[in-house]
Amino acid sequence: MLDDPIAKGLAAGWQHYSPESLPERWPEFDVVIIGSGAGGGISAKILSEAGLSVLIIESGLLRSSRDFNLQEAQAYPDLYQEAASRKTKDKGIGILQGHCVGGSTTVNWTTSIRTPNATLQHWQDEHGLSALSEQHLQPYFEEAEQLLNISPWQVPPNANNRALQQGCEQLGWSHQVISRNVKGCWDLGYCGMGCPTNAKQSMLTTCIPQALEHNAWLLSGYQVWTLEHKQGRVTGLSLKPTLASASNNPPSFSLSAKHVVLAAGSINGPALMLRSKLPDPHQFIGKRTFLHPVLISGALMPFKVEGHKGAPQSVYSDQHLWPRQGLGYKLEVPPLHPILVATKLCGFGELHQQLMQQFNQLQVCLALLSDGFDAHSQGGQVELRDDGSALLDYPFNDYFWDGARRALLSMAELQFAAGAEAVYPLHEQAGLCFSWPEAKALIETLPMKALQTKVVSAHVMGGCPMGGDIQRSLVDDLGRYRHLENLSVIDGSILPTSLGANPQLTIYALALRASKALAQQLS
């Protein structure tokens, strides 16, 4: 059995606490970091290595390679927000987000893509972020890539990704090899359930252990419920145990810190701000929260695809990412596992059974729509339920549905070009189509509506937007909250638009830049 470095570190004396084991007293920390994903993990490493006393608070549980048994039924409730059933207010979009130490970096599919230059240029032109040029960010991208072993995947793609590649080649569409943050990868294909071999260079296996080695503390299973603030400063944090990990009636309590880094993500972070009634003179908290809304197309191939085997994502296409008009979209594929597929397929009864019986011949394409780049695309808004928990309202408009229909058309055309015998656009009123003309005619007439058209997302961005103008942003380009002097936001919530790329590498680079500046300031 492989060694578990987390278990070894805990045995060697790492300072980890949970609702079952709390310290007798809490010191005042130099920095409390709320969240342990891409932003929180990088910040913990940089700040603890600078000699600052750091506490990382994660509302999810601490799980490690000894717990990752490749079983969906255990992984989803253990490692995901709301047991992988988080949805938008109208239930129109299913959202996959990590909820564990390491956050979504523990369960993502390792895709690592730099921020597109067109996105950075838009931020400079429209959001006053002149410091975030490609040239300025390059050293931070390079540092993140070196730190997390990010490089183009050299292994031939599995059949699911190969179909995307072959379809692009047949149609003359551009496509690229994906870079992945892995080291000694076994090519198992179960990245979304936690890496059992510790090959994935997530925050769980890199930056958080490095922070703990530099005397950082980690508290898991507790949620920061409110930030107390007075006279322009955060003065304390109130915590309560996460229900999923509560036992023996663990206490709620408060603690203090000289500086707070909020890295709880683009839904939970703004919700914490709203509960805390943080100063927000221009009413930006939770606004302009962006997803990459994802459309899905299934195809039955005349050969075994076995999309559960091999690197989940290794090929992508940006052929349709920057159209002259309307929403653009990136084409990728997902890993295919039985529960994931069964819960995302539309329909029921005979058709659903037929598709599941041909599970190993099923190929699936994803189209990630890029929201936030014009006035027709304003994203969603984080709200609070009556119990204070987070909820994302993400309304659709005709502009979105136009992009969604074009995305379904592109994927069907690509799948037939790759040799599909039948294509199934994931829509409640669709069925199997046995030729490209048939699929085209069907998709052009489908009623594009929420809950009829299957829409999902694993990328949540914005809700605490950065910008150069205090009238139009909550934080500056280093994540410094404009209305509280000792609060920084270092995670995907500061992004002013969606990215047009999987977000983890962007967050790593921005977090390196922001946490280094913060370490210098606090030291």
Protein backbone atom coordinates (compact mmCIF):
# COMPACT_ATOMS: atom_id res chain seq x y z
CA MET A 1 0.00 0.00 0.00
CA LEU A 2 1.27 3.48 -0.87
CA ASP A 3 2.43 5.79 1.90
CA ASP A 4 0.01 8.52 2.90
CA PRO A 5 2.04 11.72 3.46
CA ILE A 6 -0.87 13.37 5.30
CA ALA A 7 -1.03 10.51 7.81
CA LYS A 8 2.74 10.68 8.22
CA GLY A 9 2.66 14.41 8.85
CA LEU A 10 -0.11 14.13 11.41
CA ALA A 11 1.81 11.39 13.20
CA ALA A 12 4.88 13.65 13.22
CA GLY A 13 3.00 16.41 14.99
CA TRP A 14 1.30 18.65 12.46
CA GLN A 15 -1.15 20.98 14.18
CA HIS A 16 -4.50 19.72 12.86
CA TYR A 17 -7.76 20.14 14.77
CA SER A 18 -11.36 19.17 14.11
CA PRO A 19 -14.69 19.17 15.98
CA GLU A 20 -13.53 15.96 17.68
CA SER A 21 -10.24 17.44 18.88
CA LEU A 22 -9.93 21.13 19.68
CA PRO A 23 -6.97 22.84 21.37
CA GLU A 24 -7.29 24.04 24.95
CA ARG A 25 -6.82 27.63 23.81
CA TRP A 26 -6.43 29.53 20.55
CA PRO A 27 -3.60 32.01 20.16
CA GLU A 28 -4.02 35.19 18.16
CA PHE A 29 -2.67 34.43 14.70
CA ASP A 30 -0.95 36.80 12.34
CA VAL A 31 -3.21 35.50 9.58
CA VAL A 32 -6.37 33.40 9.52
CA ILE A 33 -7.11 31.92 6.07
CA ILE A 34 -10.72 30.90 5.45
CA GLY A 35 -10.69 28.11 2.87
CA SER A 36 -8.01 25.70 1.70
CA GLY A 37 -8.45 25.54 -2.07
CA ALA A 38 -6.31 27.09 -4.78
CA GLY A 39 -6.22 30.56 -3.21
CA GLY A 40 -6.09 29.47 0.42
CA GLY A 41 -3.48 26.76 -0.11
CA ILE A 42 -1.05 29.01 -1.96
CA SER A 43 -1.56 31.79 0.61
CA ALA A 44 -0.91 29.41 3.51
CA LYS A 45 2.38 28.26 2.00
CA ILE A 46 3.68 31.74 1.19
CA LEU A 47 2.63 33.37 4.46
CA SER A 48 3.84 30.58 6.75
CA GLU A 49 7.18 30.39 4.94
CA ALA A 50 7.52 34.13 5.58
CA GLY A 51 7.52 33.36 9.31
CA LEU A 52 3.95 34.47 10.02
CA SER A 53 1.70 32.45 12.32
CA VAL A 54 -1.11 31.05 10.17
CA LEU A 55 -4.39 29.23 10.82
CA ILE A 56 -6.20 27.60 7.89
CA ILE A 57 -9.92 27.01 8.45
CA GLU A 58 -11.71 24.55 6.17
CA SER A 59 -15.41 23.78 6.56
CA GLY A 60 -14.98 20.43 4.82
CA LEU A 61 -13.24 17.36 6.19
CA LEU A 62 -9.62 16.30 6.05
CA ARG A 63 -9.41 13.30 3.76
CA SER A 64 -6.27 11.89 2.16
CA SER A 65 -5.09 9.11 -0.14
CA ARG A 66 -5.88 6.36 2.35
CA ASP A 67 -9.54 7.47 2.14
CA PHE A 68 -9.73 7.70 -1.66
CA ASN A 69 -11.07 4.32 -2.76
CA LEU A 70 -12.39 5.25 -6.26
CA GLN A 71 -16.00 4.89 -5.08
CA GLU A 72 -18.42 7.57 -6.21
CA ALA A 73 -20.89 6.80 -3.43
CA GLN A 74 -18.29 7.75 -0.83
CA ALA A 75 -16.48 10.52 -2.68
CA TYR A 76 -19.44 12.76 -3.45
CA PRO A 77 -20.78 13.16 0.12
CA ASP A 78 -17.26 13.28 1.58
CA LEU A 79 -15.57 15.67 -0.83
CA TYR A 80 -18.15 17.91 -2.53
CA GLN A 81 -20.39 20.81 -1.60
CA GLU A 82 -23.86 19.54 -0.73
CA ALA A 83 -22.81 15.98 -1.63
CA ALA A 84 -22.30 17.03 -5.28
CA SER A 85 -25.95 18.15 -5.52
CA ARG A 86 -25.47 21.92 -5.23
CA LYS A 87 -27.75 23.76 -7.65
CA THR A 88 -28.70 27.29 -8.59
CA LYS A 89 -31.84 28.89 -7.15
CA ASP A 90 -34.13 27.64 -9.93
CA LYS A 91 -32.38 24.22 -10.02
CA GLY A 92 -31.41 25.03 -13.61
CA ILE A 93 -27.65 24.45 -13.16
CA GLY A 94 -25.95 21.70 -11.19
CA ILE A 95 -22.69 22.90 -9.61
CA LEU A 96 -19.75 20.65 -8.71
CA GLN A 97 -17.47 22.22 -6.08
CA GLY A 98 -15.02 20.67 -3.67
CA HIS A 99 -15.76 20.68 0.06
CA CYS A 100 -12.73 19.20 1.79
CA VAL A 101 -9.18 20.14 2.71
CA GLY A 102 -7.66 21.22 -0.59
CA GLY A 103 -11.05 22.37 -1.86
CA SER A 104 -11.79 21.80 -5.52
CA THR A 105 -8.09 21.16 -6.22
CA THR A 106 -8.52 17.81 -4.43
CA VAL A 107 -11.31 16.68 -6.76
CA ASN A 108 -10.77 18.54 -10.04
CA TRP A 109 -9.62 16.85 -13.23
CA THR A 110 -6.12 18.46 -13.19
CA THR A 111 -6.65 20.69 -16.26
CA SER A 112 -4.24 23.63 -15.99
CA ILE A 113 -4.55 26.42 -18.58
CA ARG A 114 -3.20 29.96 -18.34
CA THR A 115 -5.62 32.87 -18.50
CA PRO A 116 -6.30 33.59 -22.19
CA ASN A 117 -4.63 36.76 -23.40
CA ALA A 118 -7.96 38.04 -24.71
CA THR A 119 -9.39 37.79 -21.18
CA LEU A 120 -6.48 39.69 -19.66
CA GLN A 121 -6.80 42.38 -22.32
CA HIS A 122 -10.52 42.71 -21.59
CA TRP A 123 -9.76 43.13 -17.89
CA GLN A 124 -7.27 45.89 -18.69
CA ASP A 125 -9.61 47.67 -21.08
CA GLU A 126 -12.91 47.30 -19.24
CA HIS A 127 -12.00 46.85 -15.57
CA GLY A 128 -8.95 49.05 -15.11
CA LEU A 129 -6.64 46.14 -14.25
CA SER A 130 -3.59 47.55 -16.02
CA ALA A 131 -1.20 45.58 -13.80
CA LEU A 132 -2.54 42.23 -14.96
CA SER A 133 -0.93 42.04 -18.37
CA GLU A 134 0.35 38.83 -19.90
CA GLN A 135 3.93 40.02 -19.48
CA HIS A 136 3.45 40.93 -15.81
CA LEU A 137 1.74 37.65 -14.90
CA GLN A 138 4.12 35.38 -16.82
CA PRO A 139 6.59 34.84 -13.93
CA TYR A 140 3.71 33.90 -11.60
CA PHE A 141 2.37 31.40 -14.11
CA GLU A 142 5.85 29.96 -14.50
CA GLU A 143 6.32 29.71 -10.73
CA ALA A 144 2.96 27.98 -10.28
CA GLU A 145 3.74 25.56 -13.10
CA GLN A 146 7.08 24.68 -11.54
CA LEU A 147 5.67 24.41 -8.02
CA LEU A 148 2.83 22.10 -9.07
CA ASN A 149 4.56 20.19 -11.87
CA ILE A 150 2.24 21.55 -14.54
CA SER A 151 3.18 20.50 -18.06
CA PRO A 152 1.51 19.22 -21.26
CA TRP A 153 0.26 15.65 -20.88
CA GLN A 154 2.57 13.39 -22.85
CA VAL A 155 0.50 10.19 -22.71
CA PRO A 156 -1.76 9.50 -25.73
CA PRO A 157 -5.35 10.55 -24.98
CA ASN A 158 -7.95 8.03 -23.92
CA ALA A 159 -10.72 7.25 -26.40
CA ASN A 160 -13.04 9.91 -24.97
CA ASN A 161 -10.49 12.69 -25.54
CA ARG A 162 -9.28 11.12 -28.79
CA ALA A 163 -12.78 11.47 -30.25
CA LEU A 164 -12.64 15.22 -29.55
CA GLN A 165 -9.24 15.37 -31.23
CA GLN A 166 -10.34 13.34 -34.24
CA GLY A 167 -13.53 15.32 -34.70
CA CYS A 168 -11.53 18.55 -34.70
CA GLU A 169 -9.07 17.13 -37.22
CA GLN A 170 -11.86 16.03 -39.56
CA LEU A 171 -13.51 19.46 -39.40
CA GLY A 172 -10.29 21.50 -39.50
CA TRP A 173 -10.93 22.95 -36.04
CA SER A 174 -8.10 24.02 -33.75
CA HIS A 175 -7.28 21.80 -30.77
CA GLN A 176 -4.55 21.64 -28.15
CA VAL A 177 -3.02 19.25 -25.63
CA ILE A 178 -3.96 20.03 -22.02
CA SER A 179 -1.38 20.68 -19.33
CA ARG A 180 -1.98 18.81 -16.06
CA ASN A 181 -0.69 19.27 -12.48
CA VAL A 182 0.48 15.71 -11.89
CA LYS A 183 3.68 13.95 -10.92
CA GLY A 184 4.07 10.22 -11.49
CA CYS A 185 0.45 9.91 -12.61
CA TRP A 186 -0.89 6.35 -12.86
CA ASP A 187 -3.43 7.42 -15.53
CA LEU A 188 -6.29 5.87 -13.53
CA GLY A 189 -9.01 8.34 -14.52
CA TYR A 190 -10.56 8.78 -11.05
CA CYS A 191 -9.24 12.29 -10.35
CA GLY A 192 -12.69 13.52 -9.33
CA MET A 193 -12.77 11.17 -6.35
CA GLY A 194 -9.44 12.22 -4.86
CA CYS A 195 -6.09 10.88 -6.06
CA PRO A 196 -5.25 7.58 -4.31
CA THR A 197 -1.60 7.72 -5.44
CA ASN A 198 -0.89 11.36 -4.47
CA ALA A 199 0.13 12.05 -8.07
CA LYS A 200 -2.22 15.01 -8.39
CA GLN A 201 -0.31 18.06 -7.23
CA SER A 202 -3.28 19.59 -5.45
CA MET A 203 -3.19 21.87 -2.42
CA LEU A 204 -3.83 18.76 -0.31
CA THR A 205 -0.51 17.21 -1.33
CA THR A 206 1.68 20.30 -1.88
CA CYS A 207 1.06 23.71 -0.34
CA ILE A 208 -0.97 22.73 2.71
CA PRO A 209 1.61 20.14 3.90
CA GLN A 210 4.34 22.71 3.22
CA ALA A 211 2.48 25.25 5.35
CA LEU A 212 1.99 22.72 8.16
CA GLU A 213 5.70 21.96 8.03
CA HIS A 214 6.23 25.68 8.69
CA ASN A 215 4.08 25.54 11.83
CA ALA A 216 0.76 26.59 10.33
CA TRP A 217 -2.35 25.26 12.08
CA LEU A 218 -5.26 23.59 10.27
CA LEU A 219 -8.84 23.43 11.56
CA SER A 220 -11.22 21.29 9.50
CA GLY A 221 -14.93 20.70 9.92
CA TYR A 222 -15.64 24.25 11.08
CA GLN A 223 -17.33 27.04 9.14
CA VAL A 224 -16.62 30.71 9.70
CA TRP A 225 -20.16 32.01 10.10
CA THR A 226 -19.50 35.73 10.48
CA LEU A 227 -16.67 38.23 10.50
CA GLU A 228 -16.93 40.77 13.29
CA HIS A 229 -15.77 44.23 12.27
CA LYS A 230 -15.47 47.67 13.78
CA GLN A 231 -13.94 50.98 12.76
CA GLY A 232 -12.66 49.69 9.43
CA ARG A 233 -11.08 46.46 10.69
CA VAL A 234 -12.04 42.82 11.11
CA THR A 235 -11.95 42.26 14.87
CA GLY A 236 -12.94 38.60 15.15
CA LEU A 237 -14.35 35.48 13.55
CA SER A 238 -17.28 33.41 14.82
CA LEU A 239 -17.19 29.72 13.96
CA LYS A 240 -19.59 26.83 14.16
CA PRO A 241 -19.09 23.12 13.39
CA THR A 242 -20.05 21.84 9.97
CA LEU A 243 -23.09 19.59 10.32
CA ALA A 244 -21.53 16.80 8.28
CA SER A 245 -18.65 16.49 10.74
CA ALA A 246 -20.36 17.41 14.00
CA SER A 247 -20.30 14.87 16.84
CA ASN A 248 -20.48 15.07 20.61
CA ASN A 249 -22.02 18.56 20.32
CA PRO A 250 -18.78 20.41 19.49
CA PRO A 251 -18.88 24.06 20.50
CA SER A 252 -19.22 27.20 18.46
CA PHE A 253 -16.54 29.74 19.35
CA SER A 254 -14.77 32.93 18.29
CA LEU A 255 -11.15 33.79 17.62
CA SER A 256 -9.15 36.73 16.39
CA ALA A 257 -6.38 37.49 13.92
CA LYS A 258 -4.33 40.46 12.87
CA HIS A 259 -5.21 39.83 9.23
CA VAL A 260 -7.86 37.68 7.51
CA VAL A 261 -7.59 36.09 4.07
CA LEU A 262 -10.95 35.08 2.66
CA ALA A 263 -10.49 32.16 0.25
CA ALA A 264 -13.83 30.38 0.62
CA GLY A 265 -14.82 30.45 -3.04
CA SER A 266 -17.25 32.42 -5.16
CA ILE A 267 -20.45 31.22 -3.46
CA ASN A 268 -19.51 30.63 0.17
CA GLY A 269 -17.20 33.66 0.37
CA PRO A 270 -19.76 36.29 -0.68
CA ALA A 271 -22.34 34.53 1.53
CA LEU A 272 -20.02 35.01 4.52
CA MET A 273 -19.66 38.68 3.58
CA LEU A 274 -23.44 39.09 3.39
CA ARG A 275 -24.02 37.37 6.74
CA SER A 276 -21.36 39.61 8.27
CA LYS A 277 -22.87 42.78 6.78
CA LEU A 278 -19.46 43.93 5.61
CA PRO A 279 -19.22 47.56 4.48
CA ASP A 280 -20.23 47.63 0.82
CA PRO A 281 -21.21 51.16 -0.20
CA HIS A 282 -21.76 50.30 -3.86
CA GLN A 283 -23.63 47.01 -3.23
CA PHE A 284 -21.25 44.69 -5.07
CA ILE A 285 -21.08 41.70 -2.69
CA GLY A 286 -22.27 38.58 -4.48
CA LYS A 287 -23.00 40.42 -7.74
CA ARG A 288 -21.45 39.43 -11.08
CA THR A 289 -20.86 35.86 -9.96
CA PHE A 290 -19.92 33.92 -13.07
CA LEU A 291 -19.98 30.29 -14.08
CA HIS A 292 -18.80 28.57 -17.17
CA PRO A 293 -22.29 27.15 -17.86
CA VAL A 294 -21.72 23.78 -19.51
CA LEU A 295 -23.83 22.16 -22.23
CA ILE A 296 -23.49 18.41 -22.76
CA SER A 297 -23.73 16.12 -25.77
CA GLY A 298 -23.51 12.32 -25.62
CA ALA A 299 -22.61 10.02 -28.49
CA LEU A 300 -22.64 6.26 -29.02
CA MET A 301 -19.47 5.11 -30.74
CA PRO A 302 -18.91 1.90 -32.75
CA PHE A 303 -16.02 1.05 -30.40
CA LYS A 304 -15.32 0.93 -26.69
CA VAL A 305 -14.74 4.36 -25.22
CA GLU A 306 -14.47 3.42 -21.53
CA GLY A 307 -14.33 7.05 -20.50
CA HIS A 308 -13.63 6.10 -16.88
CA LYS A 309 -10.11 5.02 -17.83
CA GLY A 310 -7.17 7.36 -18.38
CA ALA A 311 -6.57 11.08 -17.85
CA PRO A 312 -10.03 12.70 -17.70
CA GLN A 313 -9.11 15.74 -19.80
CA SER A 314 -6.13 15.86 -22.15
CA VAL A 315 -7.43 17.63 -25.28
CA TYR A 316 -9.44 20.84 -25.71
CA SER A 317 -10.58 23.09 -28.53
CA ASP A 318 -10.90 26.88 -28.53
CA GLN A 319 -12.27 26.95 -32.08
CA HIS A 320 -15.48 28.62 -30.88
CA LEU A 321 -14.20 30.52 -27.85
CA TRP A 322 -14.05 34.03 -29.30
CA PRO A 323 -16.83 34.46 -31.88
CA ARG A 324 -17.46 37.83 -33.50
CA GLN A 325 -20.91 37.89 -31.94
CA GLY A 326 -22.56 36.06 -29.03
CA LEU A 327 -21.23 33.85 -26.28
CA GLY A 328 -18.17 31.76 -27.03
CA TYR A 329 -17.42 28.31 -25.66
CA LYS A 330 -14.54 25.94 -25.05
CA LEU A 331 -14.87 22.26 -25.97
CA GLU A 332 -13.61 19.57 -23.57
CA VAL A 333 -14.70 16.14 -22.36
CA PRO A 334 -15.47 14.84 -18.84
CA PRO A 335 -14.54 11.57 -17.17
CA LEU A 336 -17.39 9.07 -17.34
CA HIS A 337 -18.39 7.25 -14.16
CA PRO A 338 -21.73 5.50 -13.59
CA ILE A 339 -23.31 7.73 -10.94
CA LEU A 340 -22.04 10.92 -12.60
CA VAL A 341 -23.40 9.84 -15.99
CA ALA A 342 -26.69 8.46 -14.67
CA THR A 343 -27.51 11.66 -12.78
CA LYS A 344 -26.63 13.94 -15.69
CA LEU A 345 -28.42 12.07 -18.49
CA CYS A 346 -31.80 13.48 -19.43
CA GLY A 347 -34.89 11.37 -19.77
CA PHE A 348 -35.96 8.30 -17.87
CA GLY A 349 -37.18 4.78 -18.43
CA GLU A 350 -36.25 2.92 -21.59
CA LEU A 351 -33.95 5.53 -23.17
CA HIS A 352 -32.03 6.08 -19.94
CA GLN A 353 -31.67 2.32 -19.48
CA GLN A 354 -30.53 1.87 -23.08
CA LEU A 355 -27.81 4.49 -22.72
CA MET A 356 -26.58 3.10 -19.39
CA GLN A 357 -26.45 -0.39 -20.88
CA GLN A 358 -24.11 0.99 -23.55
CA PHE A 359 -22.10 2.91 -20.96
CA ASN A 360 -18.70 1.79 -22.26
CA GLN A 361 -19.51 2.99 -25.80
CA LEU A 362 -20.63 6.41 -24.59
CA GLN A 363 -18.54 9.44 -25.55
CA VAL A 364 -19.38 12.82 -24.05
CA CYS A 365 -18.47 16.37 -25.08
CA LEU A 366 -18.74 19.49 -22.95
CA ALA A 367 -19.10 23.11 -24.10
CA LEU A 368 -18.03 25.66 -21.47
CA LEU A 369 -19.72 28.99 -22.21
CA SER A 370 -17.79 32.13 -21.29
CA ASP A 371 -19.97 34.61 -19.41
CA GLY A 372 -19.29 38.19 -18.44
CA PHE A 373 -17.72 39.82 -21.47
CA ASP A 374 -20.54 42.13 -22.57
CA ALA A 375 -23.69 43.85 -21.34
CA HIS A 376 -25.90 40.88 -22.26
CA SER A 377 -24.00 38.60 -19.87
CA GLN A 378 -24.09 39.78 -16.27
CA GLY A 379 -23.80 36.42 -14.52
CA GLY A 380 -25.62 35.65 -11.28
CA GLN A 381 -25.96 36.84 -7.71
CA VAL A 382 -25.18 35.13 -4.41
CA GLU A 383 -28.05 35.34 -1.92
CA LEU A 384 -28.76 33.97 1.54
CA ARG A 385 -31.45 31.44 2.37
CA ASP A 386 -33.54 32.00 5.49
CA ASP A 387 -31.05 29.92 7.50
CA GLY A 388 -28.11 32.03 6.30
CA SER A 389 -26.70 29.42 3.91
CA ALA A 390 -25.49 30.35 0.45
CA LEU A 391 -27.59 30.28 -2.71
CA LEU A 392 -26.68 31.35 -6.25
CA ASP A 393 -29.36 32.89 -8.45
CA TYR A 394 -28.26 32.53 -12.09
CA PRO A 395 -30.98 33.60 -14.52
CA PHE A 396 -30.85 32.70 -18.20
CA ASN A 397 -31.69 35.05 -21.05
CA ASP A 398 -32.07 34.71 -24.82
CA TYR A 399 -28.43 35.68 -25.29
CA PHE A 400 -27.38 32.70 -23.20
CA TRP A 401 -29.74 30.31 -24.96
CA ASP A 402 -28.41 31.39 -28.35
CA GLY A 403 -24.92 30.36 -27.24
CA ALA A 404 -26.25 27.13 -25.74
CA ARG A 405 -27.94 26.11 -28.98
CA ARG A 406 -24.81 26.86 -31.03
CA ALA A 407 -22.77 24.81 -28.55
CA LEU A 408 -25.06 21.78 -28.91
CA LEU A 409 -24.80 22.09 -32.71
CA SER A 410 -20.99 22.25 -32.62
CA MET A 411 -20.70 19.21 -30.37
CA ALA A 412 -23.06 17.09 -32.46
CA GLU A 413 -21.22 18.00 -35.65
CA LEU A 414 -17.90 17.13 -34.03
CA GLN A 415 -19.12 13.79 -32.66
CA PHE A 416 -20.46 12.65 -36.02
CA ALA A 417 -17.18 13.75 -37.62
CA ALA A 418 -15.41 11.53 -35.05
CA GLY A 419 -17.43 8.49 -36.14
CA ALA A 420 -20.45 8.50 -33.83
CA GLU A 421 -23.29 6.12 -34.70
CA ALA A 422 -25.77 8.26 -32.76
CA VAL A 423 -25.70 11.56 -30.90
CA TYR A 424 -27.87 12.56 -27.94
CA PRO A 425 -28.03 16.30 -27.10
CA LEU A 426 -28.77 16.44 -23.39
CA HIS A 427 -32.22 17.97 -23.44
CA GLU A 428 -35.45 16.54 -22.04
CA GLN A 429 -37.15 16.68 -25.45
CA ALA A 430 -34.26 15.22 -27.43
CA GLY A 431 -33.65 11.64 -28.45
CA LEU A 432 -30.98 9.74 -30.32
CA CYS A 433 -30.07 11.26 -33.69
CA PHE A 434 -28.45 9.01 -36.28
CA SER A 435 -26.96 11.58 -38.66
CA TRP A 436 -25.63 15.12 -38.54
CA PRO A 437 -28.51 16.52 -40.64
CA GLU A 438 -31.01 14.87 -38.29
CA ALA A 439 -29.24 16.23 -35.20
CA LYS A 440 -28.98 19.70 -36.73
CA ALA A 441 -32.68 19.80 -37.54
CA LEU A 442 -33.61 18.63 -34.03
CA ILE A 443 -31.30 21.01 -32.13
CA GLU A 444 -32.47 24.01 -34.16
CA THR A 445 -36.05 23.39 -33.01
CA LEU A 446 -35.52 22.38 -29.36
CA PRO A 447 -37.16 24.75 -26.85
CA MET A 448 -34.22 26.18 -24.94
CA LYS A 449 -35.41 26.49 -21.37
CA ALA A 450 -34.09 25.89 -17.86
CA LEU A 451 -34.72 22.34 -16.58
CA GLN A 452 -35.38 21.25 -20.17
CA THR A 453 -31.80 21.79 -21.35
CA LYS A 454 -29.17 20.13 -19.15
CA VAL A 455 -26.74 22.73 -17.81
CA VAL A 456 -23.98 22.06 -15.28
CA SER A 457 -20.80 23.79 -14.11
CA ALA A 458 -17.67 23.09 -12.11
CA HIS A 459 -16.21 26.61 -12.38
CA VAL A 460 -17.52 29.39 -10.13
CA MET A 461 -15.90 32.82 -10.39
CA GLY A 462 -16.60 36.39 -9.30
CA GLY A 463 -18.93 37.71 -6.62
CA CYS A 464 -16.23 39.92 -5.08
CA PRO A 465 -14.88 41.57 -8.22
CA MET A 466 -11.50 43.24 -8.49
CA GLY A 467 -10.93 46.35 -10.53
CA GLY A 468 -9.05 49.60 -10.81
CA ASP A 469 -12.05 51.78 -10.02
CA ILE A 470 -13.33 51.85 -6.42
CA GLN A 471 -16.79 52.71 -7.80
CA ARG A 472 -16.92 49.41 -9.71
CA SER A 473 -15.04 46.89 -7.56
CA LEU A 474 -14.71 45.46 -4.05
CA VAL A 475 -11.00 44.62 -4.10
CA ASP A 476 -7.92 45.85 -5.91
CA ASP A 477 -5.67 43.71 -8.10
CA LEU A 478 -3.97 42.23 -4.99
CA GLY A 479 -7.27 41.22 -3.43
CA ARG A 480 -7.21 43.93 -0.75
CA TYR A 481 -10.75 44.65 0.40
CA ARG A 482 -11.37 48.33 -0.16
CA HIS A 483 -13.49 48.93 2.94
CA LEU A 484 -11.67 46.93 5.67
CA GLU A 485 -7.94 47.42 6.10
CA ASN A 486 -7.06 43.93 7.38
CA LEU A 487 -9.12 41.79 5.00
CA SER A 488 -7.81 40.28 1.76
CA VAL A 489 -9.73 38.12 -0.71
CA ILE A 490 -7.51 35.62 -2.51
CA ASP A 491 -9.53 33.16 -4.56
CA GLY A 492 -11.64 32.93 -7.71
CA SER A 493 -14.27 35.32 -6.37
CA ILE A 494 -12.14 38.33 -7.33
CA LEU A 495 -12.28 37.52 -11.06
CA PRO A 496 -14.27 40.26 -12.85
CA THR A 497 -15.53 37.88 -15.57
CA SER A 498 -15.36 34.20 -16.31
CA LEU A 499 -12.08 33.13 -17.89
CA GLY A 500 -12.64 31.08 -21.00
CA ALA A 501 -10.29 28.54 -19.38
CA ASN A 502 -10.38 26.16 -16.43
CA PRO A 503 -9.64 28.48 -13.50
CA GLN A 504 -7.19 26.75 -11.18
CA LEU A 505 -3.95 27.99 -12.81
CA THR A 506 -5.25 31.57 -12.96
CA ILE A 507 -6.09 31.44 -9.25
CA TYR A 508 -2.66 29.96 -8.43
CA ALA A 509 -0.86 32.75 -10.27
CA LEU A 510 -2.97 35.55 -8.79
CA ALA A 511 -2.65 33.99 -5.32
CA LEU A 512 1.14 33.83 -5.58
CA ARG A 513 1.23 37.50 -6.54
CA ALA A 514 -1.20 38.62 -3.83
CA SER A 515 0.16 36.49 -0.96
CA LYS A 516 3.75 37.54 -1.63
CA ALA A 517 2.72 41.18 -1.46
CA LEU A 518 0.77 40.48 1.73
CA ALA A 519 3.70 38.61 3.31
CA GLN A 520 5.94 41.58 2.61
CA GLN A 521 3.38 43.97 4.09
CA LEU A 522 2.81 41.93 7.27
CA SER A 523 6.45 41.09 7.84
